[in-house]
Amino acid sequence: MLEVLYEDNHLIAVNKHAGDIVQSDKT
């Protein structure tokens, strides 16, 4: 489940879990 740490109209920050990838890769 997504854990949002900060959010406003311009930004959003989340707590990434080990194993998650931030953006797409060859997998």
PDB file of all heavy atoms in Angstrom:
ATOM      1  N   MET A   1       0.832  -1.196   0.000  1.00  0.00           N
ATOM      2  CA  MET A   1       0.000   0.000   0.000  1.00  0.00           C
ATOM      3  C   MET A   1       0.872   1.254   0.000  1.00  0.00           C
ATOM      4  O   MET A   1       1.899   1.304   0.668  1.00  0.00           O
ATOM      5  CB  MET A   1      -0.920   0.004   1.229  1.00  0.00           C
ATOM      6  CG  MET A   1      -1.886   1.166   1.271  1.00  0.00           C
ATOM      7  SD  MET A   1      -3.078   0.998   2.605  1.00  0.00           S
ATOM      8  CE  MET A   1      -3.922   2.564   2.468  1.00  0.00           C
ATOM      9  N   LEU A   2       0.447   2.267  -0.767  1.00  0.00           N
ATOM     10  CA  LEU A   2       1.229   3.494  -0.902  1.00  0.00           C
ATOM     11  C   LEU A   2       1.240   4.272   0.413  1.00  0.00           C
ATOM     12  O   LEU A   2       0.197   4.521   1.012  1.00  0.00           O
ATOM     13  CB  LEU A   2       0.621   4.359  -2.012  1.00  0.00           C
ATOM     14  CG  LEU A   2       1.516   5.463  -2.584  1.00  0.00           C
ATOM     15  CD1 LEU A   2       2.713   4.857  -3.313  1.00  0.00           C
ATOM     16  CD2 LEU A   2       0.709   6.329  -3.540  1.00  0.00           C
ATOM     17  N   GLU A   3       2.446   4.655   0.855  1.00  0.00           N
ATOM     18  CA  GLU A   3       2.598   5.435   2.087  1.00  0.00           C
ATOM     19  C   GLU A   3       3.023   6.852   1.711  1.00  0.00           C
ATOM     20  O   GLU A   3       4.185   7.111   1.426  1.00  0.00           O
ATOM     21  CB  GLU A   3       3.647   4.778   2.996  1.00  0.00           C
ATOM     22  CG  GLU A   3       3.794   5.459   4.347  1.00  0.00           C
ATOM     23  CD  GLU A   3       4.849   4.807   5.220  1.00  0.00           C
ATOM     24  OE1 GLU A   3       5.342   3.710   4.867  1.00  0.00           O
ATOM     25  OE2 GLU A   3       5.210   5.410   6.253  1.00  0.00           O
ATOM     26  N   VAL A   4       2.048   7.772   1.702  1.00  0.00           N
ATOM     27  CA  VAL A   4       2.308   9.155   1.307  1.00  0.00           C
ATOM     28  C   VAL A   4       2.862   9.919   2.509  1.00  0.00           C
ATOM     29  O   VAL A   4       2.272   9.931   3.582  1.00  0.00           O
ATOM     30  CB  VAL A   4       1.029   9.835   0.771  1.00  0.00           C
ATOM     31  CG1 VAL A   4       1.307  11.292   0.420  1.00  0.00           C
ATOM     32  CG2 VAL A   4       0.510   9.084  -0.458  1.00  0.00           C
ATOM     33  N   LEU A   5       4.001  10.582   2.318  1.00  0.00           N
ATOM     34  CA  LEU A   5       4.664  11.325   3.394  1.00  0.00           C
ATOM     35  C   LEU A   5       4.382  12.821   3.322  1.00  0.00           C
ATOM     36  O   LEU A   5       4.395  13.513   4.340  1.00  0.00           O
ATOM     37  CB  LEU A   5       6.175  11.108   3.322  1.00  0.00           C
ATOM     38  CG  LEU A   5       6.667   9.662   3.413  1.00  0.00           C
ATOM     39  CD1 LEU A   5       8.167   9.603   3.125  1.00  0.00           C
ATOM     40  CD2 LEU A   5       6.370   9.081   4.792  1.00  0.00           C
ATOM     41  N   TYR A   6       4.161  13.326   2.107  1.00  0.00           N
ATOM     42  CA  TYR A   6       3.944  14.766   1.897  1.00  0.00           C
ATOM     43  C   TYR A   6       3.187  14.925   0.591  1.00  0.00           C
ATOM     44  O   TYR A   6       3.439  14.201  -0.375  1.00  0.00           O
ATOM     45  CB  TYR A   6       5.278  15.507   1.818  1.00  0.00           C
ATOM     46  CG  TYR A   6       5.152  16.994   1.599  1.00  0.00           C
ATOM     47  CD1 TYR A   6       5.149  17.883   2.672  1.00  0.00           C
ATOM     48  CD2 TYR A   6       5.031  17.514   0.316  1.00  0.00           C
ATOM     49  CE1 TYR A   6       5.019  19.255   2.464  1.00  0.00           C
ATOM     50  CE2 TYR A   6       4.903  18.883   0.099  1.00  0.00           C
ATOM     51  CZ  TYR A   6       4.894  19.750   1.181  1.00  0.00           C
ATOM     52  OH  TYR A   6       4.766  21.102   0.979  1.00  0.00           O
ATOM     53  N   GLU A   7       2.266  15.902   0.583  1.00  0.00           N
ATOM     54  CA  GLU A   7       1.480  16.112  -0.632  1.00  0.00           C
ATOM     55  C   GLU A   7       0.930  17.524  -0.668  1.00  0.00           C
ATOM     56  O   GLU A   7       0.404  18.021   0.328  1.00  0.00           O
ATOM     57  CB  GLU A   7       0.334  15.101  -0.640  1.00  0.00           C
ATOM     58  CG  GLU A   7      -0.542  15.116  -1.873  1.00  0.00           C
ATOM     59  CD  GLU A   7      -1.636  14.057  -1.795  1.00  0.00           C
ATOM     60  OE1 GLU A   7      -1.703  13.309  -0.796  1.00  0.00           O
ATOM     61  OE2 GLU A   7      -2.436  13.991  -2.743  1.00  0.00           O
ATOM     62  N   ASP A   8       1.097  18.208  -1.807  1.00  0.00           N
ATOM     63  CA  ASP A   8       0.406  19.464  -2.052  1.00  0.00           C
ATOM     64  C   ASP A   8       0.170  19.565  -3.564  1.00  0.00           C
ATOM     65  O   ASP A   8       0.317  18.578  -4.283  1.00  0.00           O
ATOM     66  CB  ASP A   8       1.161  20.675  -1.465  1.00  0.00           C
ATOM     67  CG  ASP A   8       2.513  20.941  -2.128  1.00  0.00           C
ATOM     68  OD1 ASP A   8       2.756  20.425  -3.248  1.00  0.00           O
ATOM     69  OD2 ASP A   8       3.329  21.671  -1.539  1.00  0.00           O
ATOM     70  N   ASN A   9      -0.184  20.747  -4.046  1.00  0.00           N
ATOM     71  CA  ASN A   9      -0.516  20.884  -5.468  1.00  0.00           C
ATOM     72  C   ASN A   9       0.672  20.661  -6.399  1.00  0.00           C
ATOM     73  O   ASN A   9       0.491  20.367  -7.581  1.00  0.00           O
ATOM     74  CB  ASN A   9      -1.106  22.271  -5.743  1.00  0.00           C
ATOM     75  CG  ASN A   9      -2.467  22.442  -5.128  1.00  0.00           C
ATOM     76  OD1 ASN A   9      -3.169  21.462  -4.888  1.00  0.00           O
ATOM     77  ND2 ASN A   9      -2.857  23.685  -4.860  1.00  0.00           N
ATOM     78  N   HIS A  10       1.895  20.832  -5.871  1.00  0.00           N
ATOM     79  CA  HIS A  10       3.089  20.755  -6.716  1.00  0.00           C
ATOM     80  C   HIS A  10       3.959  19.532  -6.463  1.00  0.00           C
ATOM     81  O   HIS A  10       4.766  19.165  -7.316  1.00  0.00           O
ATOM     82  CB  HIS A  10       3.944  22.013  -6.526  1.00  0.00           C
ATOM     83  CG  HIS A  10       3.307  23.250  -7.076  1.00  0.00           C
ATOM     84  ND1 HIS A  10       3.421  23.628  -8.401  1.00  0.00           N
ATOM     85  CD2 HIS A  10       2.532  24.196  -6.480  1.00  0.00           C
ATOM     86  CE1 HIS A  10       2.749  24.748  -8.593  1.00  0.00           C
ATOM     87  NE2 HIS A  10       2.215  25.117  -7.453  1.00  0.00           N
ATOM     88  N   LEU A  11       3.823  18.918  -5.296  1.00  0.00           N
ATOM     89  CA  LEU A  11       4.725  17.842  -4.885  1.00  0.00           C
ATOM     90  C   LEU A  11       3.974  16.663  -4.292  1.00  0.00           C
ATOM     91  O   LEU A  11       2.890  16.823  -3.729  1.00  0.00           O
ATOM     92  CB  LEU A  11       5.702  18.342  -3.810  1.00  0.00           C
ATOM     93  CG  LEU A  11       6.499  19.615  -4.058  1.00  0.00           C
ATOM     94  CD1 LEU A  11       7.223  20.015  -2.782  1.00  0.00           C
ATOM     95  CD2 LEU A  11       7.479  19.405  -5.199  1.00  0.00           C
ATOM     96  N   ILE A  12       4.588  15.512  -4.382  1.00  0.00           N
ATOM     97  CA  ILE A  12       4.142  14.357  -3.599  1.00  0.00           C
ATOM     98  C   ILE A  12       5.369  13.519  -3.274  1.00  0.00           C
ATOM     99  O   ILE A  12       6.237  13.295  -4.137  1.00  0.00           O
ATOM    100  CB  ILE A  12       3.053  13.534  -4.324  1.00  0.00           C
ATOM    101  CG1 ILE A  12       2.551  12.397  -3.420  1.00  0.00           C
ATOM    102  CG2 ILE A  12       3.543  13.005  -5.672  1.00  0.00           C
ATOM    103  CD1 ILE A  12       1.278  11.738  -3.928  1.00  0.00           C
ATOM    104  N   ALA A  13       5.479  13.094  -2.026  1.00  0.00           N
ATOM    105  CA  ALA A  13       6.593  12.257  -1.591  1.00  0.00           C
ATOM    106  C   ALA A  13       6.026  11.012  -0.929  1.00  0.00           C
ATOM    107  O   ALA A  13       5.045  11.080  -0.184  1.00  0.00           O
ATOM    108  CB  ALA A  13       7.497  13.005  -0.615  1.00  0.00           C
ATOM    109  N   VAL A  14       6.646   9.865  -1.215  1.00  0.00           N
ATOM    110  CA  VAL A  14       6.178   8.602  -0.653  1.00  0.00           C
ATOM    111  C   VAL A  14       7.345   7.848  -0.030  1.00  0.00           C
ATOM    112  O   VAL A  14       8.516   8.128  -0.315  1.00  0.00           O
ATOM    113  CB  VAL A  14       5.494   7.722  -1.730  1.00  0.00           C
ATOM    114  CG1 VAL A  14       4.282   8.424  -2.305  1.00  0.00           C
ATOM    115  CG2 VAL A  14       6.462   7.348  -2.843  1.00  0.00           C
ATOM    116  N   ASN A  15       6.998   6.895   0.828  1.00  0.00           N
ATOM    117  CA  ASN A  15       7.997   6.048   1.468  1.00  0.00           C
ATOM    118  C   ASN A  15       8.100   4.754   0.666  1.00  0.00           C
ATOM    119  O   ASN A  15       7.218   3.901   0.718  1.00  0.00           O
ATOM    120  CB  ASN A  15       7.579   5.756   2.919  1.00  0.00           C
ATOM    121  CG  ASN A  15       8.698   5.157   3.741  1.00  0.00           C
ATOM    122  OD1 ASN A  15       9.810   4.969   3.263  1.00  0.00           O
ATOM    123  ND2 ASN A  15       8.405   4.851   5.001  1.00  0.00           N
ATOM    124  N   LYS A  16       9.159   4.649  -0.119  1.00  0.00           N
ATOM    125  CA  LYS A  16       9.357   3.490  -0.995  1.00  0.00           C
ATOM    126  C   LYS A  16       9.736   2.261  -0.173  1.00  0.00           C
ATOM    127  O   LYS A  16      10.540   2.341   0.755  1.00  0.00           O
ATOM    128  CB  LYS A  16      10.457   3.819  -1.999  1.00  0.00           C
ATOM    129  CG  LYS A  16      10.887   2.669  -2.899  1.00  0.00           C
ATOM    130  CD  LYS A  16      12.077   3.107  -3.736  1.00  0.00           C
ATOM    131  CE  LYS A  16      12.778   1.993  -4.461  1.00  0.00           C
ATOM    132  NZ  LYS A  16      13.144   0.825  -3.682  1.00  0.00           N
ATOM    133  N   HIS A  17       9.173   1.126  -0.549  1.00  0.00           N
ATOM    134  CA  HIS A  17       9.557  -0.136   0.075  1.00  0.00           C
ATOM    135  C   HIS A  17      10.717  -0.751  -0.698  1.00  0.00           C
ATOM    136  O   HIS A  17      10.801  -0.601  -1.923  1.00  0.00           O
ATOM    137  CB  HIS A  17       8.370  -1.112   0.083  1.00  0.00           C
ATOM    138  CG  HIS A  17       7.168  -0.581   0.785  1.00  0.00           C
ATOM    139  ND1 HIS A  17       5.921  -0.568   0.222  1.00  0.00           N
ATOM    140  CD2 HIS A  17       7.029  -0.009   2.012  1.00  0.00           C
ATOM    141  CE1 HIS A  17       5.048  -0.022   1.058  1.00  0.00           C
ATOM    142  NE2 HIS A  17       5.705   0.328   2.142  1.00  0.00           N
ATOM    143  N   ALA A  18      11.607  -1.437  -0.004  1.00  0.00           N
ATOM    144  CA  ALA A  18      12.687  -2.150  -0.680  1.00  0.00           C
ATOM    145  C   ALA A  18      12.078  -3.133  -1.677  1.00  0.00           C
ATOM    146  O   ALA A  18      11.136  -3.852  -1.355  1.00  0.00           O
ATOM    147  CB  ALA A  18      13.545  -2.891   0.345  1.00  0.00           C
ATOM    148  N   GLY A  19      12.600  -3.124  -2.888  1.00  0.00           N
ATOM    149  CA  GLY A  19      12.080  -4.003  -3.934  1.00  0.00           C
ATOM    150  C   GLY A  19      11.256  -3.278  -4.975  1.00  0.00           C
ATOM    151  O   GLY A  19      11.111  -3.746  -6.106  1.00  0.00           O
ATOM    152  N   ASP A  20      10.684  -2.123  -4.601  1.00  0.00           N
ATOM    153  CA  ASP A  20       9.938  -1.316  -5.576  1.00  0.00           C
ATOM    154  C   ASP A  20      10.920  -0.632  -6.522  1.00  0.00           C
ATOM    155  O   ASP A  20      12.009  -0.219  -6.101  1.00  0.00           O
ATOM    156  CB  ASP A  20       9.112  -0.231  -4.877  1.00  0.00           C
ATOM    157  CG  ASP A  20       7.953  -0.791  -4.076  1.00  0.00           C
ATOM    158  OD1 ASP A  20       7.614  -1.975  -4.276  1.00  0.00           O
ATOM    159  OD2 ASP A  20       7.380  -0.050  -3.250  1.00  0.00           O
ATOM    160  N   ILE A  21      10.521  -0.470  -7.798  1.00  0.00           N
ATOM    161  CA  ILE A  21      11.325   0.317  -8.721  1.00  0.00           C
ATOM    162  C   ILE A  21      10.636   1.650  -8.966  1.00  0.00           C
ATOM    163  O   ILE A  21       9.413   1.714  -9.052  1.00  0.00           O
ATOM    164  CB  ILE A  21      11.593  -0.407 -10.056  1.00  0.00           C
ATOM    165  CG1 ILE A  21      10.298  -0.921 -10.691  1.00  0.00           C
ATOM    166  CG2 ILE A  21      12.590  -1.512  -9.879  1.00  0.00           C
ATOM    167  CD1 ILE A  21      10.510  -1.455 -12.099  1.00  0.00           C
ATOM    168  N   VAL A  22      11.413   2.717  -9.036  1.00  0.00           N
ATOM    169  CA  VAL A  22      10.839   4.055  -9.163  1.00  0.00           C
ATOM    170  C   VAL A  22      10.260   4.253 -10.558  1.00  0.00           C
ATOM    171  O   VAL A  22       9.154   4.760 -10.721  1.00  0.00           O
ATOM    172  CB  VAL A  22      11.898   5.137  -8.850  1.00  0.00           C
ATOM    173  CG1 VAL A  22      11.335   6.535  -9.108  1.00  0.00           C
ATOM    174  CG2 VAL A  22      12.358   5.015  -7.399  1.00  0.00           C
ATOM    175  N   GLN A  23      11.016   3.868 -11.597  1.00  0.00           N
ATOM    176  CA  GLN A  23      10.521   4.002 -12.958  1.00  0.00           C
ATOM    177  C   GLN A  23      10.850   2.738 -13.746  1.00  0.00           C
ATOM    178  O   GLN A  23      11.648   1.909 -13.309  1.00  0.00           O
ATOM    179  CB  GLN A  23      11.102   5.228 -13.641  1.00  0.00           C
ATOM    180  CG  GLN A  23      12.581   5.194 -13.885  1.00  0.00           C
ATOM    181  CD  GLN A  23      13.084   6.439 -14.593  1.00  0.00           C
ATOM    182  OE1 GLN A  23      14.132   6.962 -14.269  1.00  0.00           O
ATOM    183  NE2 GLN A  23      12.352   6.930 -15.567  1.00  0.00           N
ATOM    184  N   SER A  24      10.238   2.582 -14.908  1.00  0.00           N
ATOM    185  CA  SER A  24      10.327   1.325 -15.644  1.00  0.00           C
ATOM    186  C   SER A  24      11.760   0.979 -16.028  1.00  0.00           C
ATOM    187  O   SER A  24      12.580   1.857 -16.304  1.00  0.00           O
ATOM    188  CB  SER A  24       9.446   1.383 -16.893  1.00  0.00           C
ATOM    189  OG  SER A  24       9.853   2.443 -17.729  1.00  0.00           O
ATOM    190  N   ASP A  25      12.036  -0.316 -16.037  1.00  0.00           N
ATOM    191  CA  ASP A  25      13.336  -0.811 -16.482  1.00  0.00           C
ATOM    192  C   ASP A  25      13.115  -2.064 -17.326  1.00  0.00           C
ATOM    193  O   ASP A  25      11.977  -2.384 -17.698  1.00  0.00           O
ATOM    194  CB  ASP A  25      14.259  -1.078 -15.281  1.00  0.00           C
ATOM    195  CG  ASP A  25      13.750  -2.197 -14.372  1.00  0.00           C
ATOM    196  OD1 ASP A  25      12.726  -2.837 -14.700  1.00  0.00           O
ATOM    197  OD2 ASP A  25      14.397  -2.454 -13.337  1.00  0.00           O
ATOM    198  N   LYS A  26      14.176  -2.780 -17.599  1.00  0.00           N
ATOM    199  CA  LYS A  26      14.081  -3.930 -18.506  1.00  0.00           C
ATOM    200  C   LYS A  26      13.247  -5.075 -17.935  1.00  0.00           C
ATOM    201  O   LYS A  26      12.826  -5.966 -18.682  1.00  0.00           O
ATOM    202  CB  LYS A  26      15.482  -4.421 -18.870  1.00  0.00           C
ATOM    203  CG  LYS A  26      16.315  -4.892 -17.688  1.00  0.00           C
ATOM    204  CD  LYS A  26      17.740  -5.216 -18.118  1.00  0.00           C
ATOM    205  CE  LYS A  26      18.587  -5.637 -16.920  1.00  0.00           C
ATOM    206  NZ  LYS A  26      19.987  -5.878 -17.309  1.00  0.00           N
ATOM    207  N   THR A  27      12.993  -5.069 -16.615  1.00  0.00           N
ATOM    208  CA  THR A  27      12.184  -6.140 -16.024  1.00  0.00           C
ATOM    209  C   THR A  27      10.717  -6.029 -16.431  1.00  0.00           C
ATOM    210  O   THR A  27       9.995  -7.022 -16.442  1.00  0.00           O
ATOM    211  CB  THR A  27      12.254  -6.112 -14.484  1.00  0.00           C
ATOM    212  OG1 THR A  27      11.652  -4.903 -13.997  1.00  0.00           O
ATOM    213  CG2 THR A  27      13.690  -6.193 -13.992  1.00  0.00           C
TER     214      THR A  27
END
